[in-house]
Structure formats: C-alpha cells, structure tokens
Protein backbone atom coordinates (compact mmCIF):
# COMPACT_ATOMS: atom_id res chain seq x y z
CA MET A 1 0.09 0.13 0.02
CA ARG A 2 1.11 3.28 -0.90
CA ILE A 3 1.15 6.11 1.92
CA LEU A 4 2.07 9.80 2.03
CA VAL A 5 3.40 11.42 5.02
CA ALA A 6 3.42 15.13 5.73
CA GLU A 7 5.73 16.37 8.49
CA ASP A 8 7.36 19.54 8.42
CA GLU A 9 10.19 18.44 11.31
CA LYS A 10 12.62 16.78 8.91
CA ASP A 11 14.12 14.29 11.54
CA LEU A 12 10.98 12.81 12.18
CA ASN A 13 9.46 12.76 8.59
CA ARG A 14 12.84 10.65 7.86
CA LEU A 15 12.32 8.32 10.59
CA LEU A 16 8.27 8.02 9.45
CA LYS A 17 9.49 7.10 6.09
CA LYS A 18 12.33 4.63 7.13
CA ARG A 19 9.99 2.57 9.66
CA LEU A 20 7.08 2.69 7.01
CA THR A 21 9.27 1.34 4.54
CA GLU A 22 10.66 -1.31 6.63
CA ALA A 23 6.98 -2.11 7.48
CA ASN A 24 6.61 -3.01 3.64
CA TYR A 25 4.94 0.26 2.58
CA SER A 26 5.82 2.33 -0.02
CA VAL A 27 6.05 5.94 1.33
CA ASP A 28 6.56 9.19 -0.22
CA ALA A 29 7.18 12.43 1.88
CA CYS A 30 6.53 15.92 2.13
CA PHE A 31 7.26 19.11 4.18
CA ASN A 32 4.35 21.38 3.67
CA GLY A 33 0.66 21.24 2.87
CA ARG A 34 1.16 22.74 -0.49
CA GLU A 35 3.02 20.11 -1.41
CA VAL A 36 0.49 17.44 0.17
CA LEU A 37 -1.87 18.62 -2.58
CA GLU A 38 0.67 18.49 -5.64
CA TYR A 39 1.48 14.96 -4.43
CA LEU A 40 -2.43 13.96 -4.09
CA ALA A 41 -3.18 15.68 -7.51
CA CYS A 42 -0.18 13.21 -9.20
CA ALA A 43 -1.08 9.92 -7.18
CA GLU A 44 -3.66 7.86 -5.82
CA TYR A 45 -2.58 6.97 -2.18
CA ASP A 46 -4.38 4.60 0.65
CA ALA A 47 -3.19 6.58 3.30
CA LEU A 48 -2.10 10.42 3.97
CA ILE A 49 -0.57 10.99 7.73
CA LEU A 50 -0.69 14.41 8.24
CA ASP A 51 0.83 16.68 10.29
CA ILE A 52 -1.55 19.83 11.62
CA MET A 53 1.25 22.81 12.14
CA MET A 54 3.14 22.63 8.65
CA PRO A 55 3.94 25.93 6.32
CA GLY A 56 2.30 26.93 3.79
CA MET A 57 -1.20 25.62 4.70
CA ASN A 58 -1.67 23.96 7.46
CA GLY A 59 -2.85 20.24 7.94
CA LEU A 60 -6.54 21.29 8.55
CA GLU A 61 -6.79 23.30 5.63
CA VAL A 62 -5.11 20.65 3.54
CA LEU A 63 -7.69 18.27 4.71
CA LYS A 64 -10.54 20.49 4.04
CA LYS A 65 -9.14 21.29 0.65
CA ILE A 66 -9.09 17.70 -0.75
CA ARG A 67 -12.46 16.53 1.19
CA SER A 68 -13.46 19.44 -1.18
CA TRP A 69 -12.11 17.59 -3.88
CA GLY A 70 -13.83 14.36 -3.52
CA ASN A 71 -11.17 12.83 -2.39
CA GLY A 72 -11.73 9.89 0.22
CA VAL A 73 -8.10 8.98 1.13
CA PRO A 74 -7.76 7.99 4.87
CA VAL A 75 -6.17 10.62 7.22
CA LEU A 76 -4.56 10.27 10.44
CA PHE A 77 -3.34 13.27 11.84
CA LEU A 78 -0.29 13.12 13.57
CA THR A 79 0.52 16.17 15.97
CA ALA A 80 1.38 17.95 19.16
CA ARG A 81 -1.94 19.55 19.06
CA ASP A 82 -4.01 17.37 21.83
CA SER A 83 -6.78 19.63 23.18
CA VAL A 84 -10.34 17.78 22.46
CA GLY A 85 -11.38 21.14 20.63
CA ASP A 86 -8.57 19.92 18.22
CA ARG A 87 -9.46 16.53 17.82
CA VAL A 88 -13.21 17.17 17.16
CA ASN A 89 -12.21 20.04 14.46
CA GLY A 90 -10.29 17.34 12.47
CA LEU A 91 -12.64 14.81 12.65
CA ASP A 92 -15.41 16.74 11.82
CA LEU A 93 -13.38 18.06 8.96
CA GLY A 94 -13.10 14.34 7.62
CA ALA A 95 -10.17 12.92 9.32
CA ASP A 96 -10.14 9.19 10.29
CA ASP A 97 -7.86 9.20 13.09
CA TYR A 98 -5.99 11.29 15.45
CA LEU A 99 -2.35 10.19 16.95
CA VAL A 100 -0.93 12.63 19.21
CA LYS A 101 3.04 13.02 19.49
CA PRO A 102 4.82 11.97 21.12
CA PHE A 103 3.96 8.14 20.08
CA ALA A 104 4.49 4.39 19.92
CA PHE A 105 5.48 3.66 16.45
CA GLU A 106 3.69 0.18 16.97
CA GLU A 107 0.25 2.14 17.97
CA LEU A 108 0.99 4.26 14.43
CA LEU A 109 1.33 0.86 12.59
CA ALA A 110 -1.83 -0.62 14.25
CA ARG A 111 -3.82 2.62 13.74
CA ILE A 112 -2.63 2.47 9.89
CA ARG A 113 -3.57 -0.84 9.37
CA VAL A 114 -7.29 -0.28 10.74
CA MET A 115 -7.75 2.46 8.11
CA LEU A 116 -6.42 0.46 5.26
CA ARG A 117 -9.36 -2.09 5.80
CA LYS A 118 -11.45 -1.45 2.79
CA PRO A 119 -15.46 -1.27 3.53
CA ASP A 120 -16.06 -4.35 1.37
CA THR A 121 -13.75 -6.56 3.67
CA GLY A 122 -16.23 -6.05 6.26
CA LYS A 123 -13.55 -3.93 8.41
CA THR A 124 -11.92 -7.33 9.53
CA SER A 125 -8.47 -7.98 9.48
CA VAL A 126 -8.87 -11.13 7.13
CA ILE A 127 -9.64 -11.53 3.60
CA ARG A 128 -10.90 -14.48 1.66
CA VAL A 129 -10.61 -15.50 -1.81
CA GLY A 130 -11.75 -18.96 -2.04
CA ASP A 131 -9.27 -21.29 -0.04
CA MET A 132 -7.01 -18.38 0.36
CA GLU A 133 -6.69 -16.40 3.59
CA ILE A 134 -4.99 -13.16 3.98
CA ARG A 135 -4.22 -12.11 7.62
CA LEU A 136 -3.62 -8.53 7.21
CA ASP A 137 -2.26 -7.64 10.93
CA THR A 138 0.18 -10.36 10.79
CA GLN A 139 0.86 -10.48 7.10
CA GLN A 140 0.26 -14.31 7.04
CA VAL A 141 -1.16 -15.94 3.75
CA PHE A 142 -2.55 -19.56 3.55
CA ARG A 143 -4.06 -21.91 1.07
CA GLY A 144 -5.74 -25.00 1.48
CA GLY A 145 -4.84 -24.44 5.30
CA ARG A 146 -1.02 -24.38 4.19
CA GLU A 147 0.71 -21.26 4.87
CA ILE A 148 2.65 -19.51 2.02
CA SER A 149 5.50 -17.44 2.64
CA LEU A 150 5.60 -14.20 0.92
CA SER A 151 8.17 -11.41 0.59
CA GLY A 152 6.96 -7.80 1.66
CA LYS A 153 6.14 -6.98 -2.11
CA GLU A 154 4.60 -10.10 -2.95
CA PHE A 155 2.24 -9.63 -0.09
CA SER A 156 1.80 -5.76 -0.96
CA ILE A 157 0.58 -6.56 -4.54
CA LEU A 158 -1.56 -9.67 -3.14
CA ARG A 159 -3.37 -7.54 -0.75
CA TYR A 160 -3.81 -4.75 -3.02
CA MET A 161 -5.61 -7.39 -5.29
CA ALA A 162 -7.28 -9.13 -2.63
CA GLN A 163 -8.49 -5.54 -1.66
CA ASN A 164 -9.70 -5.23 -5.27
CA VAL A 165 -11.07 -8.96 -5.80
CA GLY A 166 -12.46 -9.32 -9.11
CA VAL A 167 -11.49 -5.78 -10.69
CA VAL A 168 -9.06 -5.94 -13.32
CA LEU A 169 -5.76 -3.92 -12.54
CA SER A 170 -3.39 -2.53 -14.87
CA ARG A 171 0.08 -2.98 -14.50
CA GLU A 172 0.48 0.86 -14.09
CA LYS A 173 -1.97 0.67 -11.07
CA LEU A 174 -0.53 -2.18 -9.34
CA GLU A 175 2.85 -0.31 -9.42
CA GLN A 176 1.47 2.92 -8.35
CA HIS A 177 0.35 1.29 -5.03
CA ILE A 178 3.33 -0.36 -4.35
CA TRP A 179 6.20 1.70 -5.09
CA ASN A 180 7.24 5.41 -4.56
CA TYR A 181 8.37 8.22 -6.79
CA ASP A 182 11.99 7.30 -6.04
CA TYR A 183 11.60 4.00 -7.79
CA THR A 184 13.52 3.02 -10.93
CA GLY A 185 13.00 -0.55 -11.45
CA GLY A 186 12.58 -2.45 -14.71
CA SER A 187 8.89 -1.85 -16.74
CA ASN A 188 8.82 -5.60 -16.30
CA VAL A 189 8.62 -5.61 -12.36
CA ILE A 190 5.03 -6.30 -12.10
CA ASP A 191 5.11 -9.34 -14.43
CA VAL A 192 7.92 -10.61 -12.39
CA TYR A 193 5.94 -10.34 -8.97
CA ILE A 194 2.80 -11.70 -10.62
CA ARG A 195 5.06 -15.19 -11.61
CA TYR A 196 6.51 -15.17 -8.22
CA LEU A 197 3.17 -15.14 -6.80
CA ARG A 198 1.66 -17.64 -9.37
CA LYS A 199 4.73 -20.15 -8.73
CA LYS A 200 3.76 -20.08 -4.82
CA LEU A 201 -0.05 -19.59 -4.78
CA ASP A 202 -1.40 -21.02 -7.87
CA GLU A 203 0.98 -23.96 -9.34
CA PRO A 204 0.08 -26.36 -6.28
CA PHE A 205 -3.55 -26.03 -6.47
CA ALA A 206 -6.14 -27.04 -9.21
CA GLU A 207 -8.05 -23.85 -9.01
CA LYS A 208 -5.97 -20.92 -10.29
CA LEU A 209 -6.57 -17.29 -8.47
CA ILE A 210 -4.70 -14.86 -10.34
CA HIS A 211 -5.87 -14.34 -14.04
CA THR A 212 -4.47 -12.32 -17.21
CA VAL A 213 -6.80 -10.02 -18.99
CA ARG A 214 -5.21 -9.23 -21.85
CA GLY A 215 -4.07 -5.91 -22.84
CA SER A 216 -5.73 -4.81 -19.39
CA GLY A 217 -3.67 -6.19 -16.58
CA TYR A 218 -4.70 -8.92 -13.89
CA VAL A 219 -7.41 -9.96 -11.45
CA LEU A 220 -7.86 -11.77 -8.57
CA ARG A 221 -11.03 -13.82 -8.56
CA GLU A 222 -11.87 -17.81 -7.44
CA ARG A 223 -12.34 -18.54 -11.10
CA LYS A 224 -11.91 -17.45 -14.76
CA GLU A 225 -14.70 -16.07 -16.55
CA ALA A 226 -15.21 -17.75 -19.86
C-alpha cells in the first residue's frame, strides 16, 4: 500500500519514511501543506499521515481542500495539538484518526492497518478468496490450510489485489500502489512479481486465483470467466 507522509520536522519525517518502508509500505514524504496537494494531484494514495502545524498550508486546511475535491483518502492526523477541541475539529473535517506526539510507532502501525481495511472486507483483518486466507494484521497468507511464505512486496501486491477482488488492475495501477516516486526499477517488474505469486499460490493447486486479462492487466478471482 502507498502512503504519503506530510511532516515538517525533518528528522521525524525521515524516521517515519524509514520505519514505514521497513513495514513494507511504499512511502512518499513531503514537508508542507502545498506539497501535499501536489502529490495527491499526481498519484493515488491509500493513506495520508498529516501533521497539523505545517508551513504554507496547515493540515486542517489541507484536509478541508482535499475533501472538497471528493478525495476520500484515509487521513491520520499526527500532531502535538492534543486538546479535545483540536481532535473534534479534525474529525469533523473528515479525518479518520488522530495520534498525538510523542507516540509509539507500534500504535501508529496499528492505526494505519485499521484505516487500510476497506469497507468491502467488512472491517475485518482477514480477507478470504476461495480457499485462500490473507491475514492483514500479521501479513500471513494461507491456502488450503497451508501457510505460504511471501516477501514484503509479494504480500503488498496480493493484498491490493485481494482488496480489489474481481477488479482488473493494470500494471500501472499495481505499480503505483506498491512503489513510490523514488523507484527506478524495470518496466516488467509487475509481471515478475505476478510470476512469483503464481508459483507460490497457484501452481500447487488445481484452481487458479490470479488471471491475466490480455491488454488490461491482472485480476484476482475464484474462477476464470468464460
């Protein structure tokens, strides 16, 4: 999943990007409110971690602006402003969560996991597709009751496909959600990772879950349509 971090304290910004990347998220980072709007205009994100006190445009103004665009990206305010009035104001403007500095990084990760649970998964930490079970909180995958070991990037791609089960996803869409702007890999990187996933998740089983839609991309579904 792809996350945008907006934090004007450079050391904290750098630490957040490092720790989130280590947690297998794709992360872009910026330092002021106007940059947030520029990033959101150019890419689709799964979550936004937003400081309130930023130069150029504060976090509350940023949130109000992006909600006026109809952008429903989940937003977590990360801020030293801890009054009840501040929290209520942020939530009323459309924030999904609010975490006060200083904070435990494990709590931030837990809150991000909650935000990333899509409505169509029933707000659960487990997604099931056929005989495959994906545990979002522990990043474990089981098929036919057997645990399948995946790399961080393999799990990220599978999770995104499972959260969009039945939807054909282009290579560009998949790449955009897994890698940040710093990525300089090859043009066939998605095809390579889909091959890895098929080898682990499909080859040992009779029913195939990952399908190619020629000229369009890939789709995760229980059976191939005629």
